[in-house]
Amino acid sequence: LVQVGGSLRLSCAASGRTFSNYAMGWFRQAPGKEREWVAAVS
């Protein structure tokens, strides 16, 4: 929980295959809405 104008850093720990060989993305889903793409990194 953060106030308007604040900051957060999300982390995602990966395991099970060579992480560096695959692009990664962040998505988000608000209540009642479809999952939407936020960002991606090669």
Full PDB file with SEQRES, HELIX, SHEET, SSBOND, CRYST1, ORIGX, SCALE, CONECT and MASTER records, all heavy atoms in Angstrom:
SEQRES   1 A   42  LEU VAL GLN VAL GLY GLY SER LEU ARG LEU SER CYS ALA          
SEQRES   2 A   42  ALA SER GLY ARG THR PHE SER ASN TYR ALA MET GLY TRP          
SEQRES   3 A   42  PHE ARG GLN ALA PRO GLY LYS GLU ARG GLU TRP VAL ALA          
SEQRES   4 A   42  ALA VAL SER                                                  
HELIX    1 AA1 PHE A   19  ASN A   21  5                                   3    
SHEET    1 AA1 2 MET A  24  ARG A  28  0                                        
SHEET    2 AA1 2 GLU A  36  VAL A  41 -1                                        
CRYST1    1.000    1.000    1.000  90.00  90.00  90.00 P 1           1          
ORIGX1      1.000000  0.000000  0.000000        0.00000                         
ORIGX2      0.000000  1.000000  0.000000        0.00000                         
ORIGX3      0.000000  0.000000  1.000000        0.00000                         
SCALE1      1.000000  0.000000  0.000000        0.00000                         
SCALE2      0.000000  1.000000  0.000000        0.00000                         
SCALE3      0.000000  0.000000  1.000000        0.00000                         
ATOM      1  N   LEU A   1       0.857  -1.188   0.000  1.00  0.00           N  
ATOM      2  CA  LEU A   1       0.000   0.000   0.000  1.00  0.00           C  
ATOM      3  C   LEU A   1       0.893   1.237   0.000  1.00  0.00           C  
ATOM      4  O   LEU A   1       1.803   1.360   0.816  1.00  0.00           O  
ATOM      5  CB  LEU A   1      -0.893  -0.009   1.237  1.00  0.00           C  
ATOM      6  CG  LEU A   1      -1.774   1.219   1.464  1.00  0.00           C  
ATOM      7  CD1 LEU A   1      -2.794   1.358   0.342  1.00  0.00           C  
ATOM      8  CD2 LEU A   1      -2.469   1.120   2.820  1.00  0.00           C  
ATOM      9  N   VAL A   2       0.614   2.160  -0.912  1.00  0.00           N  
ATOM     10  CA  VAL A   2       1.415   3.377  -1.022  1.00  0.00           C  
ATOM     11  C   VAL A   2       0.493   4.541  -1.350  1.00  0.00           C  
ATOM     12  O   VAL A   2      -0.560   4.357  -1.968  1.00  0.00           O  
ATOM     13  CB  VAL A   2       2.508   3.207  -2.098  1.00  0.00           C  
ATOM     14  CG1 VAL A   2       1.898   2.991  -3.474  1.00  0.00           C  
ATOM     15  CG2 VAL A   2       3.499   4.349  -2.075  1.00  0.00           C  
ATOM     16  N   GLN A   3       0.894   5.724  -0.947  1.00  0.00           N  
ATOM     17  CA  GLN A   3       0.080   6.906  -1.237  1.00  0.00           C  
ATOM     18  C   GLN A   3       0.371   7.417  -2.643  1.00  0.00           C  
ATOM     19  O   GLN A   3       1.419   7.138  -3.233  1.00  0.00           O  
ATOM     20  CB  GLN A   3       0.369   7.993  -0.211  1.00  0.00           C  
ATOM     21  CG  GLN A   3      -0.131   7.656   1.186  1.00  0.00           C  
ATOM     22  CD  GLN A   3      -0.005   8.826   2.150  1.00  0.00           C  
ATOM     23  OE1 GLN A   3       0.860   9.689   1.985  1.00  0.00           O  
ATOM     24  NE2 GLN A   3      -0.867   8.856   3.153  1.00  0.00           N  
ATOM     25  N   VAL A   4      -0.557   8.195  -3.139  1.00  0.00           N  
ATOM     26  CA  VAL A   4      -0.391   8.814  -4.452  1.00  0.00           C  
ATOM     27  C   VAL A   4       0.939   9.573  -4.483  1.00  0.00           C  
ATOM     28  O   VAL A   4       1.277  10.295  -3.544  1.00  0.00           O  
ATOM     29  CB  VAL A   4      -1.555   9.761  -4.754  1.00  0.00           C  
ATOM     30  CG1 VAL A   4      -1.264  10.606  -5.986  1.00  0.00           C  
ATOM     31  CG2 VAL A   4      -2.834   8.980  -4.967  1.00  0.00           C  
ATOM     32  N   GLY A   5       1.664   9.378  -5.567  1.00  0.00           N  
ATOM     33  CA  GLY A   5       2.953  10.023  -5.718  1.00  0.00           C  
ATOM     34  C   GLY A   5       4.114   9.239  -5.160  1.00  0.00           C  
ATOM     35  O   GLY A   5       5.280   9.614  -5.357  1.00  0.00           O  
ATOM     36  N   GLY A   6       3.812   8.157  -4.474  1.00  0.00           N  
ATOM     37  CA  GLY A   6       4.866   7.344  -3.862  1.00  0.00           C  
ATOM     38  C   GLY A   6       5.525   6.401  -4.848  1.00  0.00           C  
ATOM     39  O   GLY A   6       5.220   6.405  -6.055  1.00  0.00           O  
ATOM     40  N   SER A   7       6.413   5.578  -4.305  1.00  0.00           N  
ATOM     41  CA  SER A   7       7.190   4.659  -5.127  1.00  0.00           C  
ATOM     42  C   SER A   7       7.196   3.265  -4.515  1.00  0.00           C  
ATOM     43  O   SER A   7       7.057   3.108  -3.299  1.00  0.00           O  
ATOM     44  CB  SER A   7       8.641   5.149  -5.250  1.00  0.00           C  
ATOM     45  OG  SER A   7       8.703   6.420  -5.844  1.00  0.00           O  
ATOM     46  N   LEU A   8       7.361   2.290  -5.385  1.00  0.00           N  
ATOM     47  CA  LEU A   8       7.540   0.901  -4.970  1.00  0.00           C  
ATOM     48  C   LEU A   8       8.469   0.238  -5.966  1.00  0.00           C  
ATOM     49  O   LEU A   8       8.504   0.619  -7.146  1.00  0.00           O  
ATOM     50  CB  LEU A   8       6.214   0.136  -4.962  1.00  0.00           C  
ATOM     51  CG  LEU A   8       5.259   0.296  -3.791  1.00  0.00           C  
ATOM     52  CD1 LEU A   8       3.970  -0.473  -4.079  1.00  0.00           C  
ATOM     53  CD2 LEU A   8       5.873  -0.180  -2.502  1.00  0.00           C  
ATOM     54  N   ARG A   9       9.184  -0.786  -5.493  1.00  0.00           N  
ATOM     55  CA  ARG A   9       9.979  -1.606  -6.405  1.00  0.00           C  
ATOM     56  C   ARG A   9       9.539  -3.049  -6.270  1.00  0.00           C  
ATOM     57  O   ARG A   9       9.615  -3.637  -5.185  1.00  0.00           O  
ATOM     58  CB  ARG A   9      11.468  -1.486  -6.139  1.00  0.00           C  
ATOM     59  CG  ARG A   9      12.285  -2.194  -7.226  1.00  0.00           C  
ATOM     60  CD  ARG A   9      13.775  -2.017  -7.085  1.00  0.00           C  
ATOM     61  NE  ARG A   9      14.363  -2.970  -6.154  1.00  0.00           N  
ATOM     62  CZ  ARG A   9      15.630  -3.379  -6.218  1.00  0.00           C  
ATOM     63  NH1 ARG A   9      16.427  -2.900  -7.166  1.00  0.00           N  
ATOM     64  NH2 ARG A   9      16.096  -4.219  -5.323  1.00  0.00           N  
ATOM     65  N   LEU A  10       9.083  -3.592  -7.384  1.00  0.00           N  
ATOM     66  CA  LEU A  10       8.711  -4.996  -7.433  1.00  0.00           C  
ATOM     67  C   LEU A  10       9.891  -5.834  -7.898  1.00  0.00           C  
ATOM     68  O   LEU A  10      10.698  -5.382  -8.716  1.00  0.00           O  
ATOM     69  CB  LEU A  10       7.538  -5.204  -8.394  1.00  0.00           C  
ATOM     70  CG  LEU A  10       6.297  -4.349  -8.155  1.00  0.00           C  
ATOM     71  CD1 LEU A  10       5.206  -4.745  -9.158  1.00  0.00           C  
ATOM     72  CD2 LEU A  10       5.806  -4.470  -6.740  1.00  0.00           C  
ATOM     73  N   SER A  11       9.968  -7.041  -7.375  1.00  0.00           N  
ATOM     74  CA  SER A  11      10.991  -7.995  -7.788  1.00  0.00           C  
ATOM     75  C   SER A  11      10.317  -9.284  -8.232  1.00  0.00           C  
ATOM     76  O   SER A  11       9.222  -9.611  -7.780  1.00  0.00           O  
ATOM     77  CB  SER A  11      11.954  -8.295  -6.641  1.00  0.00           C  
ATOM     78  OG  SER A  11      12.621  -7.132  -6.209  1.00  0.00           O  
ATOM     79  N   CYS A  12      11.004  -9.989  -9.094  1.00  0.00           N  
ATOM     80  CA  CYS A  12      10.512 -11.278  -9.573  1.00  0.00           C  
ATOM     81  C   CYS A  12      11.707 -12.218  -9.645  1.00  0.00           C  
ATOM     82  O   CYS A  12      12.592 -12.043 -10.493  1.00  0.00           O  
ATOM     83  CB  CYS A  12       9.852 -11.130 -10.930  1.00  0.00           C  
ATOM     84  SG  CYS A  12       9.429 -12.690 -11.744  1.00  0.00           S  
ATOM     85  N   ALA A  13      11.730 -13.209  -8.769  1.00  0.00           N  
ATOM     86  CA  ALA A  13      12.818 -14.177  -8.736  1.00  0.00           C  
ATOM     87  C   ALA A  13      12.462 -15.362  -9.626  1.00  0.00           C  
ATOM     88  O   ALA A  13      11.380 -15.940  -9.486  1.00  0.00           O  
ATOM     89  CB  ALA A  13      13.064 -14.645  -7.313  1.00  0.00           C  
ATOM     90  N   ALA A  14      13.357 -15.703 -10.524  1.00  0.00           N  
ATOM     91  CA  ALA A  14      13.100 -16.768 -11.483  1.00  0.00           C  
ATOM     92  C   ALA A  14      13.999 -17.970 -11.242  1.00  0.00           C  
ATOM     93  O   ALA A  14      15.158 -17.826 -10.830  1.00  0.00           O  
ATOM     94  CB  ALA A  14      13.317 -16.242 -12.904  1.00  0.00           C  
ATOM     95  N   SER A  15      13.454 -19.141 -11.552  1.00  0.00           N  
ATOM     96  CA  SER A  15      14.234 -20.368 -11.463  1.00  0.00           C  
ATOM     97  C   SER A  15      13.672 -21.384 -12.434  1.00  0.00           C  
ATOM     98  O   SER A  15      12.532 -21.251 -12.886  1.00  0.00           O  
ATOM     99  CB  SER A  15      14.206 -20.929 -10.030  1.00  0.00           C  
ATOM    100  OG  SER A  15      12.886 -21.264  -9.653  1.00  0.00           O  
ATOM    101  N   GLY A  16      14.468 -22.369 -12.786  1.00  0.00           N  
ATOM    102  CA  GLY A  16      13.973 -23.469 -13.591  1.00  0.00           C  
ATOM    103  C   GLY A  16      14.456 -23.515 -15.021  1.00  0.00           C  
ATOM    104  O   GLY A  16      14.323 -24.542 -15.680  1.00  0.00           O  
ATOM    105  N   ARG A  17      14.942 -22.400 -15.565  1.00  0.00           N  
ATOM    106  CA  ARG A  17      15.571 -22.428 -16.871  1.00  0.00           C  
ATOM    107  C   ARG A  17      16.509 -21.231 -16.932  1.00  0.00           C  
ATOM    108  O   ARG A  17      16.479 -20.358 -16.064  1.00  0.00           O  
ATOM    109  CB  ARG A  17      14.554 -22.397 -18.023  1.00  0.00           C  
ATOM    110  CG  ARG A  17      13.822 -21.095 -18.228  1.00  0.00           C  
ATOM    111  CD  ARG A  17      12.846 -21.188 -19.410  1.00  0.00           C  
ATOM    112  NE  ARG A  17      12.132 -19.940 -19.583  1.00  0.00           N  
ATOM    113  CZ  ARG A  17      11.132 -19.749 -20.429  1.00  0.00           C  
ATOM    114  NH1 ARG A  17      10.716 -20.754 -21.187  1.00  0.00           N  
ATOM    115  NH2 ARG A  17      10.535 -18.586 -20.539  1.00  0.00           N  
ATOM    116  N   THR A  18      17.316 -21.174 -17.971  1.00  0.00           N  
ATOM    117  CA  THR A  18      18.309 -20.103 -18.054  1.00  0.00           C  
ATOM    118  C   THR A  18      17.616 -18.771 -18.248  1.00  0.00           C  
ATOM    119  O   THR A  18      17.164 -18.435 -19.347  1.00  0.00           O  
ATOM    120  CB  THR A  18      19.303 -20.377 -19.185  1.00  0.00           C  
ATOM    121  OG1 THR A  18      19.890 -21.662 -19.001  1.00  0.00           O  
ATOM    122  CG2 THR A  18      20.406 -19.315 -19.178  1.00  0.00           C  
ATOM    123  N   PHE A  19      17.546 -18.024 -17.185  1.00  0.00           N  
ATOM    124  CA  PHE A  19      16.808 -16.759 -17.137  1.00  0.00           C  
ATOM    125  C   PHE A  19      17.263 -15.803 -18.233  1.00  0.00           C  
ATOM    126  O   PHE A  19      16.430 -15.133 -18.875  1.00  0.00           O  
ATOM    127  CB  PHE A  19      17.021 -16.151 -15.748  1.00  0.00           C  
ATOM    128  CG  PHE A  19      16.407 -14.796 -15.538  1.00  0.00           C  
ATOM    129  CD1 PHE A  19      15.044 -14.664 -15.379  1.00  0.00           C  
ATOM    130  CD2 PHE A  19      17.206 -13.660 -15.462  1.00  0.00           C  
ATOM    131  CE1 PHE A  19      14.467 -13.415 -15.162  1.00  0.00           C  
ATOM    132  CE2 PHE A  19      16.648 -12.410 -15.243  1.00  0.00           C  
ATOM    133  CZ  PHE A  19      15.271 -12.287 -15.087  1.00  0.00           C  
ATOM    134  N   SER A  20      18.561 -15.741 -18.468  1.00  0.00           N  
ATOM    135  CA  SER A  20      19.117 -14.736 -19.375  1.00  0.00           C  
ATOM    136  C   SER A  20      18.789 -14.981 -20.838  1.00  0.00           C  
ATOM    137  O   SER A  20      19.081 -14.123 -21.676  1.00  0.00           O  
ATOM    138  CB  SER A  20      20.631 -14.665 -19.189  1.00  0.00           C  
ATOM    139  OG  SER A  20      21.218 -15.926 -19.452  1.00  0.00           O  
ATOM    140  N   ASN A  21      18.200 -16.099 -21.173  1.00  0.00           N  
ATOM    141  CA  ASN A  21      17.887 -16.404 -22.566  1.00  0.00           C  
ATOM    142  C   ASN A  21      16.480 -15.987 -23.007  1.00  0.00           C  
ATOM    143  O   ASN A  21      16.103 -16.222 -24.160  1.00  0.00           O  
ATOM    144  CB  ASN A  21      18.052 -17.892 -22.840  1.00  0.00           C  
ATOM    145  CG  ASN A  21      19.509 -18.312 -22.910  1.00  0.00           C  
ATOM    146  OD1 ASN A  21      20.368 -17.537 -23.322  1.00  0.00           O  
ATOM    147  ND2 ASN A  21      19.793 -19.543 -22.520  1.00  0.00           N  
ATOM    148  N   TYR A  22      15.715 -15.408 -22.090  1.00  0.00           N  
ATOM    149  CA  TYR A  22      14.318 -15.097 -22.386  1.00  0.00           C  
ATOM    150  C   TYR A  22      13.965 -13.670 -21.989  1.00  0.00           C  
ATOM    151  O   TYR A  22      14.344 -13.214 -20.903  1.00  0.00           O  
ATOM    152  CB  TYR A  22      13.396 -16.073 -21.655  1.00  0.00           C  
ATOM    153  CG  TYR A  22      13.580 -17.500 -22.111  1.00  0.00           C  
ATOM    154  CD1 TYR A  22      14.555 -18.312 -21.554  1.00  0.00           C  
ATOM    155  CD2 TYR A  22      12.790 -18.015 -23.140  1.00  0.00           C  
ATOM    156  CE1 TYR A  22      14.757 -19.600 -21.994  1.00  0.00           C  
ATOM    157  CE2 TYR A  22      12.985 -19.320 -23.580  1.00  0.00           C  
ATOM    158  CZ  TYR A  22      13.959 -20.098 -23.007  1.00  0.00           C  
ATOM    159  OH  TYR A  22      14.143 -21.373 -23.456  1.00  0.00           O  
ATOM    160  N   ALA A  23      13.238 -13.005 -22.885  1.00  0.00           N  
ATOM    161  CA  ALA A  23      12.683 -11.707 -22.522  1.00  0.00           C  
ATOM    162  C   ALA A  23      11.695 -11.889 -21.371  1.00  0.00           C  
ATOM    163  O   ALA A  23      11.129 -12.965 -21.177  1.00  0.00           O  
ATOM    164  CB  ALA A  23      11.984 -11.085 -23.723  1.00  0.00           C  
ATOM    165  N   MET A  24      11.509 -10.813 -20.626  1.00  0.00           N  
ATOM    166  CA  MET A  24      10.603 -10.840 -19.487  1.00  0.00           C  
ATOM    167  C   MET A  24       9.654  -9.653 -19.550  1.00  0.00           C  
ATOM    168  O   MET A  24       9.988  -8.603 -20.112  1.00  0.00           O  
ATOM    169  CB  MET A  24      11.395 -10.777 -18.178  1.00  0.00           C  
ATOM    170  CG  MET A  24      12.323 -11.947 -17.927  1.00  0.00           C  
ATOM    171  SD  MET A  24      11.440 -13.483 -17.599  1.00  0.00           S  
ATOM    172  CE  MET A  24      10.622 -13.103 -16.039  1.00  0.00           C  
ATOM    173  N   GLY A  25       8.510  -9.821 -18.939  1.00  0.00           N  
ATOM    174  CA  GLY A  25       7.537  -8.736 -18.944  1.00  0.00           C  
ATOM    175  C   GLY A  25       6.821  -8.611 -17.611  1.00  0.00           C  
ATOM    176  O   GLY A  25       6.818  -9.533 -16.791  1.00  0.00           O  
ATOM    177  N   TRP A  26       6.259  -7.440 -17.415  1.00  0.00           N  
ATOM    178  CA  TRP A  26       5.347  -7.180 -16.294  1.00  0.00           C  
ATOM    179  C   TRP A  26       3.963  -6.890 -16.866  1.00  0.00           C  
ATOM    180  O   TRP A  26       3.838  -6.138 -17.837  1.00  0.00           O  
ATOM    181  CB  TRP A  26       5.804  -5.991 -15.467  1.00  0.00           C  
ATOM    182  CG  TRP A  26       6.982  -6.249 -14.583  1.00  0.00           C  
ATOM    183  CD1 TRP A  26       8.288  -5.931 -14.834  1.00  0.00           C  
ATOM    184  CD2 TRP A  26       6.964  -6.878 -13.292  1.00  0.00           C  
ATOM    185  NE1 TRP A  26       9.077  -6.333 -13.786  1.00  0.00           N  
ATOM    186  CE2 TRP A  26       8.296  -6.902 -12.823  1.00  0.00           C  
ATOM    187  CE3 TRP A  26       5.964  -7.415 -12.476  1.00  0.00           C  
ATOM    188  CZ2 TRP A  26       8.653  -7.448 -11.591  1.00  0.00           C  
ATOM    189  CZ3 TRP A  26       6.309  -7.948 -11.260  1.00  0.00           C  
ATOM    190  CH2 TRP A  26       7.644  -7.968 -10.812  1.00  0.00           C  
ATOM    191  N   PHE A  27       2.969  -7.472 -16.243  1.00  0.00           N  
ATOM    192  CA  PHE A  27       1.573  -7.223 -16.562  1.00  0.00           C  
ATOM    193  C   PHE A  27       0.869  -6.819 -15.275  1.00  0.00           C  
ATOM    194  O   PHE A  27       1.387  -7.016 -14.183  1.00  0.00           O  
ATOM    195  CB  PHE A  27       0.921  -8.483 -17.125  1.00  0.00           C  
ATOM    196  CG  PHE A  27       1.393  -8.865 -18.509  1.00  0.00           C  
ATOM    197  CD1 PHE A  27       2.645  -9.428 -18.710  1.00  0.00           C  
ATOM    198  CD2 PHE A  27       0.573  -8.662 -19.612  1.00  0.00           C  
ATOM    199  CE1 PHE A  27       3.080  -9.780 -19.981  1.00  0.00           C  
ATOM    200  CE2 PHE A  27       0.991  -9.021 -20.887  1.00  0.00           C  
ATOM    201  CZ  PHE A  27       2.241  -9.575 -21.066  1.00  0.00           C  
ATOM    202  N   ARG A  28      -0.338  -6.294 -15.417  1.00  0.00           N  
ATOM    203  CA  ARG A  28      -1.143  -6.000 -14.240  1.00  0.00           C  
ATOM    204  C   ARG A  28      -2.612  -6.224 -14.557  1.00  0.00           C  
ATOM    205  O   ARG A  28      -3.038  -6.161 -15.713  1.00  0.00           O  
ATOM    206  CB  ARG A  28      -0.913  -4.573 -13.752  1.00  0.00           C  
ATOM    207  CG  ARG A  28      -1.398  -3.486 -14.704  1.00  0.00           C  
ATOM    208  CD  ARG A  28      -0.982  -2.105 -14.194  1.00  0.00           C  
ATOM    209  NE  ARG A  28      -1.442  -1.031 -15.060  1.00  0.00           N  
ATOM    210  CZ  ARG A  28      -1.120   0.251 -14.909  1.00  0.00           C  
ATOM    211  NH1 ARG A  28      -0.298   0.623 -13.894  1.00  0.00           N  
ATOM    212  NH2 ARG A  28      -1.571   1.169 -15.729  1.00  0.00           N  
ATOM    213  N   GLN A  29      -3.362  -6.483 -13.495  1.00  0.00           N  
ATOM    214  CA  GLN A  29      -4.792  -6.707 -13.655  1.00  0.00           C  
ATOM    215  C   GLN A  29      -5.534  -6.064 -12.505  1.00  0.00           C  
ATOM    216  O   GLN A  29      -5.326  -6.419 -11.339  1.00  0.00           O  
ATOM    217  CB  GLN A  29      -5.112  -8.198 -13.727  1.00  0.00           C  
ATOM    218  CG  GLN A  29      -6.541  -8.509 -14.079  1.00  0.00           C  
ATOM    219  CD  GLN A  29      -6.736  -9.961 -14.466  1.00  0.00           C  
ATOM    220  OE1 GLN A  29      -5.922 -10.832 -14.168  1.00  0.00           O  
ATOM    221  NE2 GLN A  29      -7.822 -10.238 -15.158  1.00  0.00           N  
ATOM    222  N   ALA A  30      -6.376  -5.103 -12.843  1.00  0.00           N  
ATOM    223  CA  ALA A  30      -7.224  -4.432 -11.869  1.00  0.00           C  
ATOM    224  C   ALA A  30      -8.555  -5.175 -11.775  1.00  0.00           C  
ATOM    225  O   ALA A  30      -8.949  -5.871 -12.723  1.00  0.00           O  
ATOM    226  CB  ALA A  30      -7.445  -2.988 -12.284  1.00  0.00           C  
ATOM    227  N   PRO A  31      -9.265  -5.027 -10.665  1.00  0.00           N  
ATOM    228  CA  PRO A  31     -10.545  -5.720 -10.502  1.00  0.00           C  
ATOM    229  C   PRO A  31     -11.514  -5.390 -11.640  1.00  0.00           C  
ATOM    230  O   PRO A  31     -11.703  -4.212 -11.986  1.00  0.00           O  
ATOM    231  CB  PRO A  31     -11.060  -5.190  -9.169  1.00  0.00           C  
ATOM    232  CG  PRO A  31      -9.839  -4.801  -8.418  1.00  0.00           C  
ATOM    233  CD  PRO A  31      -8.884  -4.285  -9.445  1.00  0.00           C  
ATOM    234  N   GLY A  32     -12.076  -6.423 -12.231  1.00  0.00           N  
ATOM    235  CA  GLY A  32     -13.047  -6.228 -13.289  1.00  0.00           C  
ATOM    236  C   GLY A  32     -12.472  -5.873 -14.646  1.00  0.00           C  
ATOM    237  O   GLY A  32     -13.223  -5.607 -15.591  1.00  0.00           O  
ATOM    238  N   LYS A  33     -11.155  -5.878 -14.745  1.00  0.00           N  
ATOM    239  CA  LYS A  33     -10.517  -5.519 -16.011  1.00  0.00           C  
ATOM    240  C   LYS A  33      -9.636  -6.660 -16.513  1.00  0.00           C  
ATOM    241  O   LYS A  33      -9.271  -7.555 -15.760  1.00  0.00           O  
ATOM    242  CB  LYS A  33      -9.666  -4.259 -15.835  1.00  0.00           C  
ATOM    243  CG  LYS A  33     -10.468  -3.013 -15.501  1.00  0.00           C  
ATOM    244  CD  LYS A  33      -9.593  -1.772 -15.532  1.00  0.00           C  
ATOM    245  CE  LYS A  33     -10.409  -0.519 -15.293  1.00  0.00           C  
ATOM    246  NZ  LYS A  33      -9.562   0.706 -15.351  1.00  0.00           N  
ATOM    247  N   GLU A  34      -9.330  -6.593 -17.801  1.00  0.00           N  
ATOM    248  CA  GLU A  34      -8.442  -7.602 -18.378  1.00  0.00           C  
ATOM    249  C   GLU A  34      -6.996  -7.344 -17.961  1.00  0.00           C  
ATOM    250  O   GLU A  34      -6.618  -6.217 -17.627  1.00  0.00           O  
ATOM    251  CB  GLU A  34      -8.556  -7.578 -19.903  1.00  0.00           C  
ATOM    252  CG  GLU A  34      -9.894  -8.053 -20.430  1.00  0.00           C  
ATOM    253  CD  GLU A  34      -9.897  -8.196 -21.944  1.00  0.00           C  
ATOM    254  OE1 GLU A  34      -8.903  -7.829 -22.580  1.00  0.00           O  
ATOM    255  OE2 GLU A  34     -10.914  -8.694 -22.471  1.00  0.00           O  
ATOM    256  N   ARG A  35      -6.214  -8.401 -18.015  1.00  0.00           N  
ATOM    257  CA  ARG A  35      -4.795  -8.256 -17.726  1.00  0.00           C  
ATOM    258  C   ARG A  35      -4.152  -7.422 -18.836  1.00  0.00           C  
ATOM    259  O   ARG A  35      -4.383  -7.668 -20.020  1.00  0.00           O  
ATOM    260  CB  ARG A  35      -4.130  -9.629 -17.629  1.00  0.00           C  
ATOM    261  CG  ARG A  35      -2.720  -9.598 -17.094  1.00  0.00           C  
ATOM    262  CD  ARG A  35      -2.230 -11.007 -16.766  1.00  0.00           C  
ATOM    263  NE  ARG A  35      -3.043 -11.610 -15.710  1.00  0.00           N  
ATOM    264  CZ  ARG A  35      -2.733 -12.750 -15.123  1.00  0.00           C  
ATOM    265  NH1 ARG A  35      -1.630 -13.409 -15.456  1.00  0.00           N  
ATOM    266  NH2 ARG A  35      -3.525 -13.252 -14.188  1.00  0.00           N  
ATOM    267  N   GLU A  36      -3.360  -6.437 -18.447  1.00  0.00           N  
ATOM    268  CA  GLU A  36      -2.736  -5.570 -19.423  1.00  0.00           C  
ATOM    269  C   GLU A  36      -1.221  -5.575 -19.262  1.00  0.00           C  
ATOM    270  O   GLU A  36      -0.688  -5.681 -18.148  1.00  0.00           O  
ATOM    271  CB  GLU A  36      -3.271  -4.133 -19.315  1.00  0.00           C  
ATOM    272  CG  GLU A  36      -2.928  -3.416 -18.025  1.00  0.00           C  
ATOM    273  CD  GLU A  36      -3.272  -1.930 -18.062  1.00  0.00           C  
ATOM    274  OE1 GLU A  36      -3.628  -1.407 -19.129  1.00  0.00           O  
ATOM    275  OE2 GLU A  36      -3.163  -1.299 -16.990  1.00  0.00           O  
ATOM    276  N   TRP A  37      -0.573  -5.423 -20.397  1.00  0.00           N  
ATOM    277  CA  TRP A  37       0.884  -5.368 -20.417  1.00  0.00           C  
ATOM    278  C   TRP A  37       1.353  -4.027 -19.875  1.00  0.00           C  
ATOM    279  O   TRP A  37       0.768  -2.981 -20.175  1.00  0.00           O  
ATOM    280  CB  TRP A  37       1.368  -5.569 -21.852  1.00  0.00           C  
ATOM    281  CG  TRP A  37       2.821  -5.337 -22.049  1.00  0.00           C  
ATOM    282  CD1 TRP A  37       3.853  -6.137 -21.647  1.00  0.00           C  
ATOM    283  CD2 TRP A  37       3.423  -4.224 -22.708  1.00  0.00           C  
ATOM    284  NE1 TRP A  37       5.048  -5.588 -22.031  1.00  0.00           N  
ATOM    285  CE2 TRP A  37       4.821  -4.412 -22.683  1.00  0.00           C  
ATOM    286  CE3 TRP A  37       2.915  -3.079 -23.331  1.00  0.00           C  
ATOM    287  CZ2 TRP A  37       5.711  -3.517 -23.241  1.00  0.00           C  
ATOM    288  CZ3 TRP A  37       3.798  -2.177 -23.893  1.00  0.00           C  
ATOM    289  CH2 TRP A  37       5.182  -2.398 -23.838  1.00  0.00           C  
ATOM    290  N   VAL A  38       2.431  -4.053 -19.096  1.00  0.00           N  
ATOM    291  CA  VAL A  38       2.981  -2.848 -18.500  1.00  0.00           C  
ATOM    292  C   VAL A  38       4.351  -2.507 -19.092  1.00  0.00           C  
ATOM    293  O   VAL A  38       4.601  -1.373 -19.508  1.00  0.00           O  
ATOM    294  CB  VAL A  38       3.113  -3.016 -16.967  1.00  0.00           C  
ATOM    295  CG1 VAL A  38       3.846  -1.829 -16.353  1.00  0.00           C  
ATOM    296  CG2 VAL A  38       1.742  -3.196 -16.340  1.00  0.00           C  
ATOM    297  N   ALA A  39       5.234  -3.507 -19.120  1.00  0.00           N  
ATOM    298  CA  ALA A  39       6.598  -3.259 -19.579  1.00  0.00           C  
ATOM    299  C   ALA A  39       7.257  -4.578 -19.942  1.00  0.00           C  
ATOM    300  O   ALA A  39       6.818  -5.645 -19.501  1.00  0.00           O  
ATOM    301  CB  ALA A  39       7.406  -2.549 -18.500  1.00  0.00           C  
ATOM    302  N   ALA A  40       8.318  -4.480 -20.732  1.00  0.00           N  
ATOM    303  CA  ALA A  40       9.073  -5.671 -21.113  1.00  0.00           C  
ATOM    304  C   ALA A  40      10.538  -5.306 -21.284  1.00  0.00           C  
ATOM    305  O   ALA A  40      10.880  -4.153 -21.579  1.00  0.00           O  
ATOM    306  CB  ALA A  40       8.519  -6.281 -22.399  1.00  0.00           C  
ATOM    307  N   VAL A  41      11.371  -6.307 -21.098  1.00  0.00           N  
ATOM    308  CA  VAL A  41      12.816  -6.117 -21.274  1.00  0.00           C  
ATOM    309  C   VAL A  41      13.341  -7.286 -22.089  1.00  0.00           C  
ATOM    310  O   VAL A  41      12.919  -8.432 -21.906  1.00  0.00           O  
ATOM    311  CB  VAL A  41      13.525  -5.998 -19.905  1.00  0.00           C  
ATOM    312  CG1 VAL A  41      13.314  -7.233 -19.059  1.00  0.00           C  
ATOM    313  CG2 VAL A  41      15.007  -5.718 -20.076  1.00  0.00           C  
ATOM    314  N   SER A  42      14.241  -6.994 -22.999  1.00  0.00           N  
ATOM    315  CA  SER A  42      14.806  -8.036 -23.853  1.00  0.00           C  
ATOM    316  C   SER A  42      15.660  -9.005 -23.033  1.00  0.00           C  
ATOM    317  O   SER A  42      16.044  -8.721 -21.895  1.00  0.00           O  
ATOM    318  CB  SER A  42      15.648  -7.400 -24.957  1.00  0.00           C  
ATOM    319  OG  SER A  42      16.712  -6.644 -24.387  1.00  0.00           O  
TER     320      SER A  42                                                      
MASTER        0    0    0    1    2    0    0    6  319    1    0    4          
END                                                                             
